[in-house]
Amino acid sequence: MGIGSSALLVSAGVASGLAGSIAGLASLFSYPALLAAGLPPVAANVTNTVALFSNTVGTAAGSRTELRGQRARLLRLAAVAALGGAVGAALLLGTPSSAFEAVVPWLIALGSVLILVRDPLRRLVASRPRRDRIAAGPGHTARLTLPMACAVLLVGLYGGYFGAASGVLMLAVLSLSASAGEPLPVTNAVKNIATGAANVTAAVAYVLVAPVHWGAAVALGLGAFAGSWVGPLIVRRLPETPLRIAIALAGLGLAVSLWHQGT
């Protein structure tokens, strides 16, 4: 890999780390950059998954404040998401992707809309009686009902299979299941760990049996680590409502772009 391609991937990695930790849109920058560097689509997809492991490490390091007291919640969510990621990786390696990729834009659009209408949906969810609850740290109660667990599993599966905007989908699910008073930076930090768990299990599978381009993965991963470490600091300082709207609109934009590419 030449110096120009390496520089492109490091720069794209920084942008991916920022976009992933802030908005759940890491692949918006990383996947096209891998294609531009000359990787074929399948190799680009698996290399992207392996490289973005560093995104999880960086966001965890940068979100220590938001993740304090979230241990029990993270363990449960990560376990469910990791199972989904493993299933998604198996599907990618064993089945044709055309049918699943056809619904990807619609899934991203749905997640984006859910983020936009989060508050009314939260009130609707809170108005119904719930029994299954898990501790989400001091002062917070997060619900992990069977429907929410299934949603996390499916988002994890999608993350392991394709991954573009899986963070948007996970943020939508967690925004509905979190307590009404939970700040967006906390939900966002939890989202990063949950999607990271799905990414890690898929990455392990790809390392063992898939065509990972290690030079590209290292260059992209270094940039992603730097960007993802800074991302939580930015989320901490931005007003919540404009940030949430920007994330949703970016997700809708990606959904439209992917839809046009598939038509």
Protein backbone atom coordinates (compact mmCIF):
# COMPACT_ATOMS: atom_id res chain seq x y z
CA MET A 1 0.00 0.00 0.00
CA GLY A 2 1.43 3.37 -1.06
CA ILE A 3 1.95 6.45 1.07
CA GLY A 4 -0.99 8.22 -0.55
CA SER A 5 -3.40 5.39 0.21
CA SER A 6 -2.10 5.11 3.77
CA ALA A 7 -2.54 8.85 4.34
CA LEU A 8 -6.06 8.65 2.92
CA LEU A 9 -6.96 5.81 5.28
CA VAL A 10 -5.48 7.49 8.36
CA SER A 11 -7.44 10.66 7.57
CA ALA A 12 -10.59 8.67 6.91
CA GLY A 13 -9.98 6.82 10.18
CA VAL A 14 -9.91 10.08 12.14
CA ALA A 15 -13.16 11.16 10.49
CA SER A 16 -14.66 7.71 11.13
CA GLY A 17 -13.67 7.78 14.78
CA LEU A 18 -15.27 11.19 15.23
CA ALA A 19 -18.41 10.26 13.30
CA GLY A 20 -18.71 6.89 15.01
CA SER A 21 -18.31 8.12 18.57
CA ILE A 22 -20.53 11.17 18.03
CA ALA A 23 -23.18 9.91 15.62
CA GLY A 24 -22.73 6.18 15.05
CA LEU A 25 -21.74 6.76 11.41
CA ALA A 26 -18.14 5.55 11.31
CA SER A 27 -18.55 3.57 8.08
CA LEU A 28 -19.77 6.67 6.28
CA PHE A 29 -16.07 7.61 5.90
CA SER A 30 -14.13 4.38 6.39
CA TYR A 31 -15.85 2.03 3.93
CA PRO A 32 -15.69 4.39 0.90
CA ALA A 33 -12.04 5.15 1.74
CA LEU A 34 -11.20 1.44 1.65
CA LEU A 35 -12.89 1.12 -1.74
CA ALA A 36 -10.96 4.18 -2.96
CA ALA A 37 -7.74 2.54 -1.79
CA GLY A 38 -8.44 -0.33 -4.18
CA LEU A 39 -9.97 -3.02 -1.95
CA PRO A 40 -12.82 -5.11 -3.40
CA PRO A 41 -16.18 -4.79 -1.57
CA VAL A 42 -16.00 -7.96 0.57
CA ALA A 43 -12.39 -7.32 1.60
CA ALA A 44 -13.28 -3.68 2.32
CA ASN A 45 -16.21 -4.75 4.50
CA VAL A 46 -14.25 -7.20 6.64
CA THR A 47 -11.19 -4.92 6.84
CA ASN A 48 -13.46 -2.08 7.94
CA THR A 49 -14.90 -4.22 10.75
CA VAL A 50 -11.46 -5.23 12.00
CA ALA A 51 -10.06 -1.69 11.81
CA LEU A 52 -13.00 -0.16 13.70
CA PHE A 53 -12.21 -2.28 16.75
CA SER A 54 -9.94 0.62 17.65
CA ASN A 55 -13.02 2.84 17.58
CA THR A 56 -14.43 0.91 20.54
CA VAL A 57 -11.16 1.21 22.46
CA GLY A 58 -10.93 4.93 21.80
CA THR A 59 -14.52 5.71 22.77
CA ALA A 60 -14.23 3.64 25.96
CA ALA A 61 -11.12 5.62 26.91
CA GLY A 62 -12.75 8.93 26.08
CA SER A 63 -16.08 8.14 27.78
CA ARG A 64 -14.91 7.07 31.23
CA THR A 65 -16.98 9.80 32.87
CA GLU A 66 -20.21 8.79 31.12
CA LEU A 67 -19.62 5.05 31.64
CA ARG A 68 -19.07 5.32 35.39
CA GLY A 69 -21.67 3.21 37.22
CA GLN A 70 -22.88 1.50 34.02
CA ARG A 71 -21.12 -1.85 34.51
CA ALA A 72 -24.19 -4.09 34.97
CA ARG A 73 -26.01 -2.49 32.08
CA LEU A 74 -23.00 -2.72 29.77
CA LEU A 75 -22.40 -6.40 30.53
CA ARG A 76 -25.96 -7.34 29.62
CA LEU A 77 -26.13 -5.21 26.50
CA ALA A 78 -22.67 -6.25 25.31
CA ALA A 79 -23.48 -9.94 25.73
CA VAL A 80 -26.64 -9.66 23.63
CA ALA A 81 -24.98 -7.45 20.99
CA ALA A 82 -21.95 -9.75 20.78
CA LEU A 83 -24.19 -12.73 20.10
CA GLY A 84 -25.85 -10.77 17.31
CA GLY A 85 -22.46 -9.78 15.90
CA ALA A 86 -21.35 -13.41 15.76
CA VAL A 87 -24.52 -14.41 13.90
CA GLY A 88 -24.11 -11.48 11.51
CA ALA A 89 -20.52 -12.46 10.72
CA ALA A 90 -21.61 -16.04 10.02
CA LEU A 91 -24.31 -14.78 7.67
CA LEU A 92 -21.88 -12.55 5.78
CA LEU A 93 -19.41 -15.39 5.30
CA GLY A 94 -22.03 -17.99 4.39
CA THR A 95 -24.82 -16.29 2.44
CA PRO A 96 -25.28 -13.85 -0.46
CA SER A 97 -25.68 -10.28 0.73
CA SER A 98 -27.97 -8.81 -1.94
CA ALA A 99 -31.30 -9.45 -0.18
CA PHE A 100 -30.15 -8.12 3.18
CA GLU A 101 -28.45 -5.07 1.72
CA ALA A 102 -31.73 -4.15 0.01
CA VAL A 103 -33.31 -3.38 3.40
CA VAL A 104 -30.27 -1.62 4.87
CA PRO A 105 -31.34 1.92 3.81
CA TRP A 106 -34.80 1.36 5.30
CA LEU A 107 -33.31 0.16 8.60
CA ILE A 108 -31.06 3.21 8.82
CA ALA A 109 -33.96 5.53 7.97
CA LEU A 110 -36.10 3.88 10.64
CA GLY A 111 -33.40 4.32 13.27
CA SER A 112 -32.95 7.96 12.31
CA VAL A 113 -36.68 8.66 12.61
CA LEU A 114 -36.77 6.94 16.01
CA ILE A 115 -34.01 9.25 17.23
CA LEU A 116 -35.98 12.28 16.02
CA VAL A 117 -39.17 11.19 17.85
CA ARG A 118 -37.35 9.81 20.90
CA ASP A 119 -39.06 11.93 23.54
CA PRO A 120 -42.70 11.15 22.56
CA LEU A 121 -41.82 7.46 22.26
CA ARG A 122 -40.13 7.52 25.66
CA ARG A 123 -43.29 8.95 27.21
CA LEU A 124 -45.36 6.27 25.52
CA VAL A 125 -43.04 3.53 26.75
CA ALA A 126 -42.97 4.97 30.28
CA SER A 127 -46.77 5.03 30.43
CA ARG A 128 -46.94 1.26 30.12
CA PRO A 129 -46.20 -1.05 33.09
CA ARG A 130 -42.81 -2.78 32.98
CA ARG A 131 -41.40 -5.55 35.13
CA ASP A 132 -37.95 -6.32 33.75
CA ARG A 133 -35.43 -3.66 34.75
CA ILE A 134 -31.67 -3.56 35.03
CA ALA A 135 -29.60 -1.10 37.00
CA ALA A 136 -28.06 1.58 34.85
CA GLY A 137 -25.94 3.26 37.46
CA PRO A 138 -26.69 5.68 40.28
CA GLY A 139 -29.89 7.58 39.66
CA HIS A 140 -30.77 5.74 36.47
CA THR A 141 -33.01 2.81 35.63
CA ALA A 142 -32.83 1.24 32.19
CA ARG A 143 -35.39 -1.27 31.00
CA LEU A 144 -34.21 -4.38 29.22
CA THR A 145 -37.48 -5.95 28.22
CA LEU A 146 -37.64 -8.89 25.85
CA PRO A 147 -38.51 -6.62 22.87
CA MET A 148 -35.55 -4.36 23.67
CA ALA A 149 -33.20 -7.34 24.04
CA CYS A 150 -34.39 -8.65 20.67
CA ALA A 151 -33.82 -5.21 19.14
CA VAL A 152 -30.27 -5.07 20.51
CA LEU A 153 -29.65 -8.59 19.18
CA LEU A 154 -30.88 -7.62 15.70
CA VAL A 155 -28.80 -4.43 15.64
CA GLY A 156 -25.78 -6.49 16.72
CA LEU A 157 -26.51 -8.94 13.90
CA TYR A 158 -26.71 -6.07 11.43
CA GLY A 159 -23.46 -4.64 12.81
CA GLY A 160 -21.64 -7.92 12.31
CA TYR A 161 -23.11 -8.40 8.83
CA PHE A 162 -22.81 -4.98 7.23
CA GLY A 163 -22.43 -2.32 9.90
CA ALA A 164 -23.09 1.02 8.16
CA ALA A 165 -24.93 3.25 10.68
CA SER A 166 -25.40 0.39 13.16
CA GLY A 167 -24.63 3.00 15.82
CA VAL A 168 -27.63 5.06 14.70
CA LEU A 169 -29.87 2.00 15.10
CA MET A 170 -28.36 1.11 18.48
CA LEU A 171 -28.72 4.69 19.71
CA ALA A 172 -32.39 4.62 18.71
CA VAL A 173 -32.97 1.39 20.66
CA LEU A 174 -31.10 2.58 23.74
CA SER A 175 -32.76 6.00 23.68
CA LEU A 176 -36.12 4.29 24.04
CA SER A 177 -35.00 1.90 26.77
CA ALA A 178 -33.04 4.43 28.88
CA SER A 179 -34.55 6.30 31.77
CA ALA A 180 -36.20 9.61 30.89
CA GLY A 181 -33.56 11.66 32.71
CA GLU A 182 -30.52 10.02 31.11
CA PRO A 183 -28.37 12.57 29.21
CA LEU A 184 -27.56 11.90 25.56
CA PRO A 185 -23.77 11.66 26.23
CA VAL A 186 -24.41 8.71 28.59
CA THR A 187 -26.71 6.92 26.13
CA ASN A 188 -24.21 7.62 23.36
CA ALA A 189 -21.32 6.18 25.38
CA VAL A 190 -23.32 3.02 26.17
CA LYS A 191 -24.22 2.78 22.47
CA ASN A 192 -20.54 2.83 21.53
CA ILE A 193 -19.74 -0.09 23.83
CA ALA A 194 -22.75 -2.14 22.71
CA THR A 195 -22.00 -1.72 19.01
CA GLY A 196 -18.33 -2.33 19.78
CA ALA A 197 -19.18 -5.70 21.32
CA ALA A 198 -20.92 -6.76 18.10
CA ASN A 199 -17.99 -5.43 16.09
CA VAL A 200 -15.41 -7.34 18.14
CA THR A 201 -17.04 -10.74 17.75
CA ALA A 202 -17.42 -10.20 14.00
CA ALA A 203 -13.81 -8.98 13.76
CA VAL A 204 -12.50 -12.14 15.46
CA ALA A 205 -14.35 -14.29 12.93
CA TYR A 206 -13.03 -12.23 10.02
CA VAL A 207 -9.45 -12.37 11.28
CA LEU A 208 -9.64 -16.16 11.29
CA VAL A 209 -11.32 -16.86 7.95
CA ALA A 210 -11.86 -13.69 5.87
CA PRO A 211 -9.60 -11.66 3.50
CA VAL A 212 -8.49 -8.88 5.87
CA HIS A 213 -6.05 -6.37 4.35
CA TRP A 214 -3.81 -5.74 7.35
CA GLY A 215 -1.97 -2.70 6.01
CA ALA A 216 -5.26 -0.92 5.39
CA ALA A 217 -6.68 -2.10 8.72
CA VAL A 218 -3.73 -0.70 10.68
CA ALA A 219 -3.76 2.68 8.91
CA LEU A 220 -7.52 3.06 9.28
CA GLY A 221 -7.45 1.80 12.87
CA LEU A 222 -4.81 4.29 14.00
CA GLY A 223 -6.85 7.20 12.69
CA ALA A 224 -10.08 5.81 14.14
CA PHE A 225 -8.53 5.48 17.59
CA ALA A 226 -7.50 9.14 17.61
CA GLY A 227 -10.86 10.36 16.34
CA SER A 228 -12.92 8.20 18.67
CA TRP A 229 -10.98 9.35 21.72
CA VAL A 230 -11.79 12.99 20.94
CA GLY A 231 -15.43 12.34 19.96
CA PRO A 232 -16.88 11.91 23.49
CA LEU A 233 -15.28 15.19 24.55
CA ILE A 234 -17.20 16.93 21.76
CA VAL A 235 -20.50 15.22 22.67
CA ARG A 236 -20.02 16.32 26.28
CA ARG A 237 -19.95 19.98 25.24
CA LEU A 238 -22.62 20.15 22.54
CA PRO A 239 -26.30 20.89 23.31
CA GLU A 240 -28.36 17.69 23.21
CA THR A 241 -31.31 18.52 20.96
CA PRO A 242 -29.35 19.98 17.99
CA LEU A 243 -26.88 17.09 18.24
CA ARG A 244 -29.67 14.50 18.24
CA ILE A 245 -31.30 16.16 15.23
CA ALA A 246 -27.97 16.32 13.40
CA ILE A 247 -27.35 12.60 14.03
CA ALA A 248 -30.81 11.72 12.75
CA LEU A 249 -30.47 13.88 9.63
CA ALA A 250 -27.03 12.42 8.89
CA GLY A 251 -28.50 8.94 9.20
CA LEU A 252 -31.31 9.83 6.81
CA GLY A 253 -28.77 11.24 4.38
CA LEU A 254 -26.79 8.00 4.48
CA ALA A 255 -29.98 5.97 3.98
CA VAL A 256 -30.83 8.00 0.84
CA SER A 257 -27.27 7.63 -0.45
CA LEU A 258 -27.27 3.85 0.01
CA TRP A 259 -30.70 3.59 -1.57
CA HIS A 260 -29.50 5.45 -4.66
CA GLN A 261 -26.40 3.25 -4.88
CA GLY A 262 -28.59 0.16 -4.87
CA THR A 263 -30.95 1.38 -7.60
